[in-house]
Amino acid sequence: MYTGIVSGPYALKSVERLNGLNRLKIDLPDALLVDLVIGASVGMDGVCLTVTHIDGNTVSFDVMSETLRLTTLGEFDAGSQVNIERSAKQGAENGGHNVSGHIDGTAVISDIVQTENNYEITYRVPKELMGYIFKKGFIALNGCSLTVADVLRQQDSFTVCLIPETLRSTTHGDKAIGDRVNIECDRQTQVIVDTVRALLHENPQLFKDNI
């Protein structure tokens, strides 16, 4: 489990493409290595990965084919910047929202509007995910907990506004129109929406009786 408050962007040291998986290595600062062990979970651009090897400050992860298919991790090369977050500790402050690290798919940047004090990014998402996205609701993009500023349902799109601190401490400010990011919808919202859908599907008369 994560909070969506990433520690910062870090560059991949190497990417080894093997049969059925990619092996990613990254150098992390001492602060992120405290109590880190093989088998621990680390969020990389919002994807929950398992530590497979630690050599000094270099940490290794194996990314399987299904994860490569569903996320952007297969696009990475040595030097690619990624958002990193250690898994949440029980009792620690959660300044974001609960993020599982299980990606629902990818969103494509369709527009960026930058003014003197504002930075807005609009994303286009698969239609099946739009039912879980609401104005003022939570969304995790490349592991960052963000608030949905606007929803454009006819365009299967939504917009977020980024403050300077988010631009400084994540990779979002480096993205361009056409780039893909990993998206995780808020799990509580998904449960509520799916429960209501199932209820209406199984009991359509309930809806008819209340309109």
N, C-alpha and C. Protein backbone atom coordinates (compact mmCIF):
# COMPACT_ATOMS: atom_id res chain seq x y z
N MET A 1 0.85 -1.19 0.00
CA MET A 1 0.00 0.00 0.00
C MET A 1 0.89 1.24 0.00
N TYR A 2 0.44 2.27 -0.71
CA TYR A 2 1.20 3.51 -0.82
C TYR A 2 0.28 4.69 -0.52
N THR A 3 0.88 5.88 -0.42
CA THR A 3 0.10 7.08 -0.13
C THR A 3 -0.06 7.98 -1.35
N GLY A 4 0.72 7.73 -2.39
CA GLY A 4 0.68 8.60 -3.55
C GLY A 4 1.54 9.85 -3.38
N ILE A 5 2.30 9.92 -2.29
CA ILE A 5 3.25 11.03 -2.08
C ILE A 5 4.64 10.48 -2.39
N VAL A 6 5.10 10.68 -3.61
CA VAL A 6 6.35 10.06 -4.04
C VAL A 6 7.53 10.78 -3.40
N SER A 7 8.64 10.04 -3.28
CA SER A 7 9.85 10.61 -2.68
C SER A 7 10.59 11.51 -3.66
N GLY A 8 10.42 11.24 -4.96
CA GLY A 8 11.10 12.05 -5.96
C GLY A 8 11.36 11.25 -7.21
N PRO A 9 11.85 11.92 -8.26
CA PRO A 9 12.22 11.22 -9.49
C PRO A 9 13.67 10.76 -9.45
N TYR A 10 13.90 9.55 -9.93
CA TYR A 10 15.25 8.99 -9.96
C TYR A 10 15.47 8.32 -11.31
N ALA A 11 16.71 8.32 -11.76
CA ALA A 11 17.05 7.77 -13.08
C ALA A 11 17.37 6.28 -12.99
N LEU A 12 16.83 5.50 -13.92
CA LEU A 12 17.17 4.09 -13.98
C LEU A 12 18.65 3.93 -14.36
N LYS A 13 19.31 3.02 -13.66
CA LYS A 13 20.73 2.77 -13.93
C LYS A 13 20.89 1.87 -15.15
N SER A 14 20.02 0.87 -15.26
CA SER A 14 20.09 -0.04 -16.41
C SER A 14 18.75 -0.72 -16.61
N VAL A 15 18.51 -1.16 -17.86
CA VAL A 15 17.33 -1.95 -18.21
C VAL A 15 17.80 -3.15 -19.01
N GLU A 16 17.58 -4.34 -18.48
CA GLU A 16 17.97 -5.57 -19.15
C GLU A 16 16.70 -6.27 -19.64
N ARG A 17 16.59 -6.42 -20.97
CA ARG A 17 15.42 -7.05 -21.56
C ARG A 17 15.69 -8.54 -21.77
N LEU A 18 14.98 -9.36 -20.98
CA LEU A 18 15.14 -10.81 -21.02
C LEU A 18 13.87 -11.43 -21.60
N ASN A 19 13.87 -12.74 -21.74
CA ASN A 19 12.72 -13.44 -22.28
C ASN A 19 11.58 -13.44 -21.26
N GLY A 20 10.55 -12.64 -21.52
CA GLY A 20 9.39 -12.62 -20.64
C GLY A 20 9.46 -11.64 -19.50
N LEU A 21 10.56 -10.91 -19.35
CA LEU A 21 10.64 -9.89 -18.28
C LEU A 21 11.73 -8.89 -18.58
N ASN A 22 11.61 -7.74 -17.95
CA ASN A 22 12.67 -6.73 -17.96
C ASN A 22 13.23 -6.61 -16.55
N ARG A 23 14.54 -6.52 -16.45
CA ARG A 23 15.19 -6.33 -15.15
C ARG A 23 15.64 -4.87 -15.06
N LEU A 24 15.07 -4.17 -14.09
CA LEU A 24 15.37 -2.76 -13.91
C LEU A 24 16.26 -2.57 -12.69
N LYS A 25 17.28 -1.72 -12.84
CA LYS A 25 18.15 -1.39 -11.72
C LYS A 25 18.17 0.13 -11.54
N ILE A 26 18.16 0.54 -10.28
CA ILE A 26 18.12 1.97 -9.98
C ILE A 26 18.94 2.25 -8.72
N ASP A 27 19.68 3.35 -8.73
CA ASP A 27 20.42 3.78 -7.55
C ASP A 27 19.52 4.68 -6.71
N LEU A 28 19.35 4.30 -5.44
CA LEU A 28 18.52 5.08 -4.54
C LEU A 28 19.37 5.73 -3.46
N PRO A 29 18.94 6.87 -2.94
CA PRO A 29 19.69 7.53 -1.87
C PRO A 29 19.58 6.74 -0.56
N ASP A 30 20.49 7.01 0.35
CA ASP A 30 20.52 6.27 1.62
C ASP A 30 19.19 6.33 2.36
N ALA A 31 18.51 7.47 2.29
CA ALA A 31 17.26 7.62 3.03
C ALA A 31 16.20 6.62 2.57
N LEU A 32 16.23 6.24 1.30
CA LEU A 32 15.25 5.29 0.78
C LEU A 32 15.68 3.84 0.94
N LEU A 33 16.90 3.64 1.43
CA LEU A 33 17.41 2.28 1.62
C LEU A 33 17.24 1.79 3.05
N VAL A 34 16.81 2.67 3.95
CA VAL A 34 16.66 2.29 5.35
C VAL A 34 15.63 1.17 5.48
N ASP A 35 16.04 0.04 6.06
CA ASP A 35 15.19 -1.12 6.30
C ASP A 35 14.67 -1.76 5.01
N LEU A 36 15.21 -1.40 3.86
CA LEU A 36 14.79 -2.02 2.61
C LEU A 36 15.44 -3.40 2.50
N VAL A 37 14.64 -4.42 2.22
CA VAL A 37 15.13 -5.79 2.14
C VAL A 37 14.62 -6.43 0.85
N ILE A 38 15.25 -7.53 0.46
CA ILE A 38 14.76 -8.30 -0.68
C ILE A 38 13.35 -8.81 -0.37
N GLY A 39 12.45 -8.63 -1.31
CA GLY A 39 11.06 -9.01 -1.11
C GLY A 39 10.17 -7.85 -0.73
N ALA A 40 10.76 -6.70 -0.39
CA ALA A 40 9.98 -5.52 -0.05
C ALA A 40 9.34 -4.93 -1.30
N SER A 41 8.30 -4.14 -1.11
CA SER A 41 7.60 -3.50 -2.21
C SER A 41 8.03 -2.04 -2.35
N VAL A 42 8.23 -1.63 -3.60
CA VAL A 42 8.56 -0.25 -3.92
C VAL A 42 7.69 0.17 -5.09
N GLY A 43 7.14 1.38 -5.03
CA GLY A 43 6.34 1.89 -6.14
C GLY A 43 7.21 2.62 -7.14
N MET A 44 7.12 2.19 -8.40
CA MET A 44 7.87 2.83 -9.48
C MET A 44 6.87 3.33 -10.53
N ASP A 45 6.75 4.63 -10.67
CA ASP A 45 5.73 5.23 -11.54
C ASP A 45 4.35 4.63 -11.26
N GLY A 46 4.10 4.39 -9.98
CA GLY A 46 2.80 3.89 -9.55
C GLY A 46 2.63 2.40 -9.58
N VAL A 47 3.63 1.67 -10.09
CA VAL A 47 3.55 0.21 -10.19
C VAL A 47 4.23 -0.42 -8.99
N CYS A 48 3.52 -1.28 -8.29
CA CYS A 48 4.09 -1.98 -7.14
C CYS A 48 5.04 -3.06 -7.62
N LEU A 49 6.34 -2.91 -7.29
CA LEU A 49 7.36 -3.87 -7.70
C LEU A 49 8.03 -4.47 -6.47
N THR A 50 8.57 -5.67 -6.65
CA THR A 50 9.24 -6.38 -5.56
C THR A 50 10.75 -6.28 -5.72
N VAL A 51 11.43 -5.94 -4.65
CA VAL A 51 12.89 -5.87 -4.67
C VAL A 51 13.46 -7.28 -4.82
N THR A 52 14.30 -7.48 -5.83
CA THR A 52 14.89 -8.80 -6.06
C THR A 52 16.37 -8.87 -5.70
N HIS A 53 17.03 -7.72 -5.61
CA HIS A 53 18.46 -7.73 -5.29
C HIS A 53 18.86 -6.34 -4.82
N ILE A 54 19.76 -6.29 -3.86
CA ILE A 54 20.31 -5.02 -3.36
C ILE A 54 21.83 -5.14 -3.34
N ASP A 55 22.50 -4.21 -4.03
CA ASP A 55 23.96 -4.19 -4.08
C ASP A 55 24.41 -2.76 -3.81
N GLY A 56 24.74 -2.49 -2.54
CA GLY A 56 25.06 -1.12 -2.17
C GLY A 56 23.81 -0.26 -2.30
N ASN A 57 23.88 0.78 -3.12
CA ASN A 57 22.73 1.64 -3.34
C ASN A 57 21.91 1.24 -4.57
N THR A 58 22.35 0.18 -5.24
CA THR A 58 21.66 -0.27 -6.44
C THR A 58 20.61 -1.31 -6.10
N VAL A 59 19.37 -1.04 -6.49
CA VAL A 59 18.24 -1.94 -6.19
C VAL A 59 17.70 -2.47 -7.51
N SER A 60 17.40 -3.78 -7.53
CA SER A 60 16.93 -4.43 -8.75
C SER A 60 15.49 -4.88 -8.62
N PHE A 61 14.78 -4.86 -9.76
CA PHE A 61 13.39 -5.30 -9.83
C PHE A 61 13.19 -6.09 -11.12
N ASP A 62 12.39 -7.16 -11.05
CA ASP A 62 12.00 -7.90 -12.24
C ASP A 62 10.57 -7.54 -12.60
N VAL A 63 10.36 -7.13 -13.84
CA VAL A 63 9.02 -6.72 -14.30
C VAL A 63 8.53 -7.75 -15.31
N MET A 64 7.45 -8.46 -14.95
CA MET A 64 6.96 -9.56 -15.78
C MET A 64 6.19 -9.04 -17.00
N SER A 65 5.93 -9.94 -17.96
CA SER A 65 5.34 -9.56 -19.25
C SER A 65 3.97 -8.90 -19.09
N GLU A 66 3.13 -9.38 -18.16
CA GLU A 66 1.80 -8.80 -17.99
C GLU A 66 1.90 -7.36 -17.50
N THR A 67 2.83 -7.08 -16.60
CA THR A 67 3.04 -5.71 -16.13
C THR A 67 3.57 -4.83 -17.25
N LEU A 68 4.47 -5.38 -18.06
CA LEU A 68 4.99 -4.62 -19.20
C LEU A 68 3.88 -4.29 -20.20
N ARG A 69 2.92 -5.21 -20.35
CA ARG A 69 1.82 -4.99 -21.28
C ARG A 69 0.86 -3.93 -20.77
N LEU A 70 0.60 -3.94 -19.48
CA LEU A 70 -0.44 -3.10 -18.92
C LEU A 70 0.04 -1.69 -18.55
N THR A 71 1.33 -1.52 -18.36
CA THR A 71 1.88 -0.25 -17.87
C THR A 71 2.89 0.33 -18.84
N THR A 72 3.50 1.42 -18.43
CA THR A 72 4.52 2.08 -19.26
C THR A 72 5.93 1.57 -18.98
N LEU A 73 6.09 0.63 -18.06
CA LEU A 73 7.44 0.23 -17.66
C LEU A 73 8.25 -0.37 -18.80
N GLY A 74 7.59 -0.93 -19.80
CA GLY A 74 8.31 -1.49 -20.94
C GLY A 74 8.92 -0.45 -21.84
N GLU A 75 8.56 0.81 -21.66
CA GLU A 75 9.10 1.90 -22.48
C GLU A 75 10.40 2.45 -21.93
N PHE A 76 10.81 2.03 -20.74
CA PHE A 76 11.96 2.62 -20.08
C PHE A 76 13.28 2.13 -20.66
N ASP A 77 14.26 3.02 -20.61
CA ASP A 77 15.65 2.70 -20.93
C ASP A 77 16.52 3.26 -19.82
N ALA A 78 17.80 2.89 -19.84
CA ALA A 78 18.73 3.46 -18.87
C ALA A 78 18.69 4.98 -18.95
N GLY A 79 18.59 5.64 -17.81
CA GLY A 79 18.50 7.09 -17.76
C GLY A 79 17.09 7.62 -17.66
N SER A 80 16.08 6.78 -17.91
CA SER A 80 14.69 7.22 -17.79
C SER A 80 14.40 7.62 -16.35
N GLN A 81 13.70 8.74 -16.18
CA GLN A 81 13.34 9.22 -14.85
C GLN A 81 12.01 8.60 -14.44
N VAL A 82 11.96 8.08 -13.21
CA VAL A 82 10.74 7.45 -12.70
C VAL A 82 10.45 7.96 -11.29
N ASN A 83 9.17 8.02 -10.94
CA ASN A 83 8.76 8.40 -9.59
C ASN A 83 8.90 7.18 -8.67
N ILE A 84 9.49 7.39 -7.51
CA ILE A 84 9.71 6.30 -6.56
C ILE A 84 9.03 6.63 -5.24
N GLU A 85 8.36 5.61 -4.67
CA GLU A 85 7.79 5.72 -3.33
C GLU A 85 7.97 4.39 -2.60
N ARG A 86 8.51 4.46 -1.40
CA ARG A 86 8.54 3.29 -0.53
C ARG A 86 7.12 2.99 -0.05
N SER A 87 6.85 1.73 0.27
CA SER A 87 5.51 1.37 0.75
C SER A 87 5.23 2.07 2.07
N ALA A 88 3.94 2.33 2.32
CA ALA A 88 3.53 3.09 3.50
C ALA A 88 3.77 2.29 4.78
N LYS A 89 4.13 3.01 5.84
CA LYS A 89 4.31 2.38 7.14
C LYS A 89 3.06 2.61 7.99
N GLN A 90 2.67 1.58 8.71
CA GLN A 90 1.48 1.69 9.54
C GLN A 90 1.65 2.80 10.58
N GLY A 91 0.63 3.64 10.68
CA GLY A 91 0.66 4.73 11.65
C GLY A 91 1.26 6.01 11.13
N ALA A 92 1.89 5.96 9.94
CA ALA A 92 2.49 7.17 9.37
C ALA A 92 1.40 8.04 8.75
N GLU A 93 1.66 9.32 8.68
CA GLU A 93 0.70 10.26 8.09
C GLU A 93 0.51 9.94 6.61
N ASN A 94 -0.74 9.97 6.17
CA ASN A 94 -1.05 9.77 4.76
C ASN A 94 -1.50 11.10 4.18
N GLY A 95 -0.60 11.78 3.49
CA GLY A 95 -0.92 13.08 2.93
C GLY A 95 -1.59 13.01 1.58
N GLY A 96 -1.74 11.78 1.04
CA GLY A 96 -2.38 11.61 -0.26
C GLY A 96 -3.67 10.83 -0.11
N HIS A 97 -3.73 9.63 -0.74
CA HIS A 97 -4.84 8.71 -0.55
C HIS A 97 -4.29 7.30 -0.70
N ASN A 98 -5.07 6.32 -0.29
CA ASN A 98 -4.60 4.94 -0.36
C ASN A 98 -4.43 4.51 -1.81
N VAL A 99 -3.20 4.11 -2.15
CA VAL A 99 -2.85 3.67 -3.50
C VAL A 99 -2.30 2.26 -3.41
N SER A 100 -2.83 1.35 -4.22
CA SER A 100 -2.45 -0.06 -4.13
C SER A 100 -1.22 -0.40 -4.95
N GLY A 101 -0.95 0.38 -6.00
CA GLY A 101 0.15 0.04 -6.90
C GLY A 101 -0.26 -0.96 -7.96
N HIS A 102 -1.56 -1.26 -8.05
CA HIS A 102 -2.09 -2.15 -9.08
C HIS A 102 -2.74 -1.28 -10.17
N ILE A 103 -2.06 -1.17 -11.28
CA ILE A 103 -2.44 -0.23 -12.32
C ILE A 103 -3.66 -0.71 -13.10
N ASP A 104 -4.58 0.24 -13.39
CA ASP A 104 -5.77 -0.07 -14.17
C ASP A 104 -5.53 0.05 -15.66
N GLY A 105 -4.53 0.79 -16.06
CA GLY A 105 -4.24 1.01 -17.48
C GLY A 105 -3.39 2.25 -17.64
N THR A 106 -3.39 2.81 -18.83
CA THR A 106 -2.61 4.01 -19.08
C THR A 106 -3.50 5.13 -19.62
N ALA A 107 -3.09 6.36 -19.34
CA ALA A 107 -3.76 7.55 -19.84
C ALA A 107 -2.78 8.28 -20.75
N VAL A 108 -3.32 8.93 -21.78
CA VAL A 108 -2.49 9.65 -22.74
C VAL A 108 -2.71 11.15 -22.57
N ILE A 109 -1.64 11.91 -22.49
CA ILE A 109 -1.75 13.36 -22.35
C ILE A 109 -2.27 13.95 -23.66
N SER A 110 -3.40 14.64 -23.57
CA SER A 110 -4.00 15.24 -24.77
C SER A 110 -3.84 16.75 -24.81
N ASP A 111 -3.54 17.37 -23.68
CA ASP A 111 -3.39 18.83 -23.66
C ASP A 111 -2.62 19.26 -22.42
N ILE A 112 -1.83 20.29 -22.56
CA ILE A 112 -1.11 20.91 -21.44
C ILE A 112 -1.30 22.41 -21.54
N VAL A 113 -1.80 23.02 -20.48
CA VAL A 113 -1.98 24.46 -20.44
C VAL A 113 -1.14 25.01 -19.30
N GLN A 114 -0.16 25.82 -19.64
CA GLN A 114 0.74 26.40 -18.64
C GLN A 114 0.63 27.91 -18.67
N THR A 115 0.31 28.48 -17.52
CA THR A 115 0.29 29.93 -17.36
C THR A 115 1.28 30.29 -16.26
N GLU A 116 1.28 31.55 -15.85
CA GLU A 116 2.29 32.00 -14.89
C GLU A 116 2.25 31.21 -13.59
N ASN A 117 1.05 30.93 -13.09
CA ASN A 117 0.93 30.28 -11.79
C ASN A 117 0.11 28.99 -11.83
N ASN A 118 -0.16 28.48 -13.02
CA ASN A 118 -0.97 27.27 -13.12
C ASN A 118 -0.38 26.33 -14.17
N TYR A 119 -0.59 25.03 -13.93
CA TYR A 119 -0.12 24.01 -14.86
C TYR A 119 -1.20 22.93 -14.90
N GLU A 120 -1.93 22.86 -16.01
CA GLU A 120 -3.03 21.92 -16.15
C GLU A 120 -2.71 20.88 -17.23
N ILE A 121 -2.96 19.62 -16.89
CA ILE A 121 -2.76 18.54 -17.86
C ILE A 121 -4.08 17.81 -18.05
N THR A 122 -4.45 17.58 -19.30
CA THR A 122 -5.65 16.81 -19.62
C THR A 122 -5.22 15.45 -20.17
N TYR A 123 -5.87 14.41 -19.68
CA TYR A 123 -5.55 13.04 -20.05
C TYR A 123 -6.75 12.37 -20.71
N ARG A 124 -6.50 11.58 -21.73
CA ARG A 124 -7.53 10.75 -22.35
C ARG A 124 -7.34 9.32 -21.85
N VAL A 125 -8.44 8.69 -21.42
CA VAL A 125 -8.36 7.36 -20.80
C VAL A 125 -9.30 6.40 -21.51
N PRO A 126 -9.10 5.08 -21.36
CA PRO A 126 -10.05 4.12 -21.91
C PRO A 126 -11.45 4.37 -21.36
N LYS A 127 -12.45 4.22 -22.21
CA LYS A 127 -13.84 4.54 -21.83
C LYS A 127 -14.27 3.77 -20.59
N GLU A 128 -13.80 2.53 -20.43
CA GLU A 128 -14.26 1.72 -19.30
C GLU A 128 -13.78 2.26 -17.95
N LEU A 129 -12.79 3.14 -17.94
CA LEU A 129 -12.32 3.72 -16.69
C LEU A 129 -13.02 5.02 -16.33
N MET A 130 -13.69 5.64 -17.29
CA MET A 130 -14.30 6.95 -17.04
C MET A 130 -15.38 6.90 -15.96
N GLY A 131 -16.03 5.75 -15.81
CA GLY A 131 -17.08 5.63 -14.80
C GLY A 131 -16.56 5.70 -13.38
N TYR A 132 -15.25 5.62 -13.20
CA TYR A 132 -14.65 5.68 -11.87
C TYR A 132 -14.00 7.04 -11.58
N ILE A 133 -14.10 7.97 -12.53
CA ILE A 133 -13.41 9.25 -12.40
C ILE A 133 -14.44 10.36 -12.22
N PHE A 134 -14.32 11.11 -11.12
CA PHE A 134 -15.28 12.15 -10.79
C PHE A 134 -14.54 13.43 -10.41
N LYS A 135 -15.17 14.56 -10.71
CA LYS A 135 -14.60 15.85 -10.33
C LYS A 135 -14.42 15.92 -8.82
N LYS A 136 -13.25 16.36 -8.40
CA LYS A 136 -12.83 16.46 -7.00
C LYS A 136 -12.49 15.10 -6.38
N GLY A 137 -12.53 14.05 -7.18
CA GLY A 137 -12.17 12.73 -6.68
C GLY A 137 -10.68 12.49 -6.76
N PHE A 138 -10.23 11.37 -6.17
CA PHE A 138 -8.82 11.01 -6.20
C PHE A 138 -8.47 10.25 -7.48
N ILE A 139 -7.24 10.43 -7.92
CA ILE A 139 -6.69 9.64 -9.01
C ILE A 139 -5.19 9.52 -8.76
N ALA A 140 -4.59 8.39 -9.13
CA ALA A 140 -3.13 8.24 -9.02
C ALA A 140 -2.56 8.16 -10.43
N LEU A 141 -1.64 9.07 -10.75
CA LEU A 141 -1.00 9.12 -12.06
C LEU A 141 0.50 8.99 -11.87
N ASN A 142 1.07 7.93 -12.46
CA ASN A 142 2.49 7.61 -12.25
C ASN A 142 2.83 7.62 -10.77
N GLY A 143 1.88 7.13 -9.97
CA GLY A 143 2.12 6.97 -8.54
C GLY A 143 1.80 8.19 -7.70
N CYS A 144 1.46 9.32 -8.32
CA CYS A 144 1.18 10.55 -7.58
C CYS A 144 -0.30 10.67 -7.27
N SER A 145 -0.62 10.93 -6.01
CA SER A 145 -2.00 11.18 -5.60
C SER A 145 -2.39 12.58 -6.05
N LEU A 146 -3.41 12.65 -6.92
CA LEU A 146 -3.85 13.94 -7.46
C LEU A 146 -5.37 14.06 -7.36
N THR A 147 -5.85 15.29 -7.40
CA THR A 147 -7.28 15.56 -7.37
C THR A 147 -7.76 15.91 -8.77
N VAL A 148 -8.85 15.29 -9.18
CA VAL A 148 -9.42 15.56 -10.51
C VAL A 148 -10.04 16.95 -10.49
N ALA A 149 -9.58 17.82 -11.39
CA ALA A 149 -10.08 19.19 -11.45
C ALA A 149 -11.33 19.30 -12.32
N ASP A 150 -11.39 18.51 -13.39
CA ASP A 150 -12.54 18.56 -14.29
C ASP A 150 -12.65 17.23 -15.02
N VAL A 151 -13.88 16.90 -15.43
CA VAL A 151 -14.16 15.66 -16.16
C VAL A 151 -14.87 16.01 -17.45
N LEU A 152 -14.36 15.48 -18.56
CA LEU A 152 -14.94 15.70 -19.89
C LEU A 152 -15.39 14.34 -20.41
N ARG A 153 -16.58 13.93 -20.03
CA ARG A 153 -17.02 12.56 -20.29
C ARG A 153 -17.18 12.26 -21.78
N GLN A 154 -17.64 13.23 -22.55
CA GLN A 154 -17.82 12.99 -23.98
C GLN A 154 -16.49 12.77 -24.69
N GLN A 155 -15.43 13.31 -24.12
CA GLN A 155 -14.09 13.14 -24.70
C GLN A 155 -13.29 12.03 -23.99
N ASP A 156 -13.94 11.33 -23.03
CA ASP A 156 -13.22 10.31 -22.23
C ASP A 156 -11.94 10.91 -21.66
N SER A 157 -12.06 12.10 -21.08
CA SER A 157 -10.89 12.82 -20.60
C SER A 157 -11.15 13.45 -19.24
N PHE A 158 -10.06 13.78 -18.55
CA PHE A 158 -10.15 14.53 -17.31
C PHE A 158 -8.90 15.40 -17.18
N THR A 159 -8.98 16.38 -16.29
CA THR A 159 -7.90 17.34 -16.11
C THR A 159 -7.45 17.39 -14.65
N VAL A 160 -6.16 17.55 -14.44
CA VAL A 160 -5.62 17.79 -13.10
C VAL A 160 -4.81 19.09 -13.14
N CYS A 161 -4.72 19.75 -12.00
CA CYS A 161 -3.91 20.96 -11.86
C CYS A 161 -2.73 20.64 -10.93
N LEU A 162 -1.54 20.98 -11.36
CA LEU A 162 -0.34 20.65 -10.61
C LEU A 162 0.28 21.90 -10.00
N ILE A 163 0.60 21.80 -8.71
CA ILE A 163 1.26 22.90 -8.03
C ILE A 163 2.77 22.82 -8.29
N PRO A 164 3.50 23.90 -8.10
CA PRO A 164 4.95 23.89 -8.35
C PRO A 164 5.69 22.78 -7.61
N GLU A 165 5.29 22.46 -6.38
CA GLU A 165 5.98 21.42 -5.62
C GLU A 165 5.84 20.06 -6.30
N THR A 166 4.65 19.77 -6.83
CA THR A 166 4.46 18.51 -7.55
C THR A 166 5.33 18.47 -8.81
N LEU A 167 5.41 19.58 -9.52
CA LEU A 167 6.25 19.64 -10.71
C LEU A 167 7.72 19.46 -10.36
N ARG A 168 8.11 19.99 -9.21
CA ARG A 168 9.52 19.89 -8.79
C ARG A 168 9.88 18.49 -8.35
N SER A 169 8.98 17.82 -7.65
CA SER A 169 9.33 16.56 -6.99
C SER A 169 8.86 15.31 -7.73
N THR A 170 8.33 15.47 -8.93
CA THR A 170 7.88 14.33 -9.73
C THR A 170 8.30 14.52 -11.19
N THR A 171 7.95 13.56 -12.02
CA THR A 171 8.28 13.64 -13.45
C THR A 171 7.18 14.31 -14.27
N HIS A 172 6.09 14.73 -13.65
CA HIS A 172 4.94 15.23 -14.43
C HIS A 172 5.27 16.46 -15.27
N GLY A 173 6.13 17.31 -14.77
CA GLY A 173 6.48 18.51 -15.52
C GLY A 173 7.33 18.23 -16.74
N ASP A 174 7.87 17.02 -16.85
CA ASP A 174 8.71 16.65 -18.00
C ASP A 174 7.91 15.98 -19.12
N LYS A 175 6.63 15.73 -18.87
CA LYS A 175 5.82 15.01 -19.86
C LYS A 175 5.34 15.95 -20.96
N ALA A 176 5.08 15.35 -22.14
CA ALA A 176 4.62 16.12 -23.30
C ALA A 176 3.33 15.52 -23.83
N ILE A 177 2.63 16.26 -24.66
CA ILE A 177 1.41 15.75 -25.28
C ILE A 177 1.74 14.47 -26.05
N GLY A 178 0.91 13.44 -25.85
CA GLY A 178 1.13 12.15 -26.48
C GLY A 178 1.81 11.14 -25.58
N ASP A 179 2.43 11.61 -24.49
CA ASP A 179 3.07 10.69 -23.54
C ASP A 179 2.01 9.91 -22.77
N ARG A 180 2.36 8.69 -22.39
CA ARG A 180 1.47 7.86 -21.58
C ARG A 180 1.91 7.87 -20.13
N VAL A 181 0.94 7.77 -19.23
CA VAL A 181 1.22 7.63 -17.79
C VAL A 181 0.37 6.50 -17.24
N ASN A 182 0.83 5.91 -16.15
CA ASN A 182 0.07 4.84 -15.49
C ASN A 182 -1.03 5.45 -14.64
N ILE A 183 -2.20 4.84 -14.71
CA ILE A 183 -3.35 5.36 -13.97
C ILE A 183 -3.91 4.29 -13.04
N GLU A 184 -4.18 4.70 -11.82
CA GLU A 184 -4.89 3.84 -10.84
C GLU A 184 -6.07 4.63 -10.30
N CYS A 185 -7.26 4.13 -10.56
CA CYS A 185 -8.47 4.78 -10.04
C CYS A 185 -8.59 4.49 -8.55
N ASP A 186 -9.28 5.40 -7.85
CA ASP A 186 -9.49 5.23 -6.41
C ASP A 186 -10.30 3.96 -6.16
N ARG A 187 -9.77 3.07 -5.32
CA ARG A 187 -10.39 1.77 -5.09
C ARG A 187 -11.76 1.90 -4.42
N GLN A 188 -11.92 2.82 -3.48
CA GLN A 188 -13.21 2.99 -2.83
C GLN A 188 -14.27 3.40 -3.84
N THR A 189 -13.90 4.30 -4.74
CA THR A 189 -14.83 4.72 -5.78
C THR A 189 -15.20 3.56 -6.67
N GLN A 190 -14.22 2.73 -7.03
CA GLN A 190 -14.50 1.57 -7.87
C GLN A 190 -15.49 0.61 -7.21
N VAL A 191 -15.29 0.36 -5.93
CA VAL A 191 -16.19 -0.55 -5.21
C VAL A 191 -17.61 0.00 -5.20
N ILE A 192 -17.74 1.29 -4.92
CA ILE A 192 -19.08 1.90 -4.87
C ILE A 192 -19.76 1.82 -6.24
N VAL A 193 -19.04 2.23 -7.28
CA VAL A 193 -19.62 2.24 -8.63
C VAL A 193 -19.99 0.83 -9.06
N ASP A 194 -19.09 -0.14 -8.85
CA ASP A 194 -19.38 -1.51 -9.28
C ASP A 194 -20.54 -2.12 -8.48
N THR A 195 -20.63 -1.78 -7.20
CA THR A 195 -21.73 -2.29 -6.38
C THR A 195 -23.07 -1.75 -6.87
N VAL A 196 -23.12 -0.44 -7.16
CA VAL A 196 -24.36 0.16 -7.65
C VAL A 196 -24.72 -0.41 -9.02
N ARG A 197 -23.74 -0.58 -9.88
CA ARG A 197 -24.01 -1.16 -11.20
C ARG A 197 -24.59 -2.56 -11.07
N ALA A 198 -23.99 -3.37 -10.20
CA ALA A 198 -24.46 -4.75 -10.02
C ALA A 198 -25.87 -4.76 -9.44
N LEU A 199 -26.13 -3.86 -8.50
CA LEU A 199 -27.45 -3.79 -7.88
C LEU A 199 -28.52 -3.42 -8.91
N LEU A 200 -28.23 -2.44 -9.76
CA LEU A 200 -29.19 -2.02 -10.78
C LEU A 200 -29.37 -3.09 -11.85
N HIS A 201 -28.28 -3.80 -12.16
CA HIS A 201 -28.38 -4.86 -13.16
C HIS A 201 -29.25 -6.01 -12.67
N GLU A 202 -29.08 -6.35 -11.39
CA GLU A 202 -29.84 -7.47 -10.83
C GLU A 202 -31.26 -7.08 -10.43
N ASN A 203 -31.45 -5.77 -10.17
CA ASN A 203 -32.77 -5.30 -9.73
C ASN A 203 -33.16 -4.05 -10.52
N PRO A 204 -33.36 -4.15 -11.82
CA PRO A 204 -33.65 -2.96 -12.63
C PRO A 204 -34.92 -2.23 -12.21
N GLN A 205 -35.84 -2.93 -11.54
CA GLN A 205 -37.08 -2.31 -11.11
C GLN A 205 -36.84 -1.26 -10.03
N LEU A 206 -35.75 -1.43 -9.26
CA LEU A 206 -35.41 -0.45 -8.22
C LEU A 206 -35.21 0.93 -8.84
N PHE A 207 -34.54 0.97 -9.96
CA PHE A 207 -34.29 2.25 -10.62
C PHE A 207 -35.59 2.83 -11.16
N LYS A 208 -36.39 1.99 -11.80
CA LYS A 208 -37.63 2.47 -12.40
C LYS A 208 -38.59 3.01 -11.33
N ASP A 209 -38.59 2.37 -10.16
CA ASP A 209 -39.51 2.77 -9.09
C ASP A 209 -39.11 4.08 -8.42
N ASN A 210 -37.86 4.54 -8.68
CA ASN A 210 -37.40 5.73 -7.98
C ASN A 210 -37.12 6.89 -8.91
N ILE A 211 -37.70 6.85 -10.11
CA ILE A 211 -37.55 8.00 -11.01
C ILE A 211 -38.93 8.60 -11.30
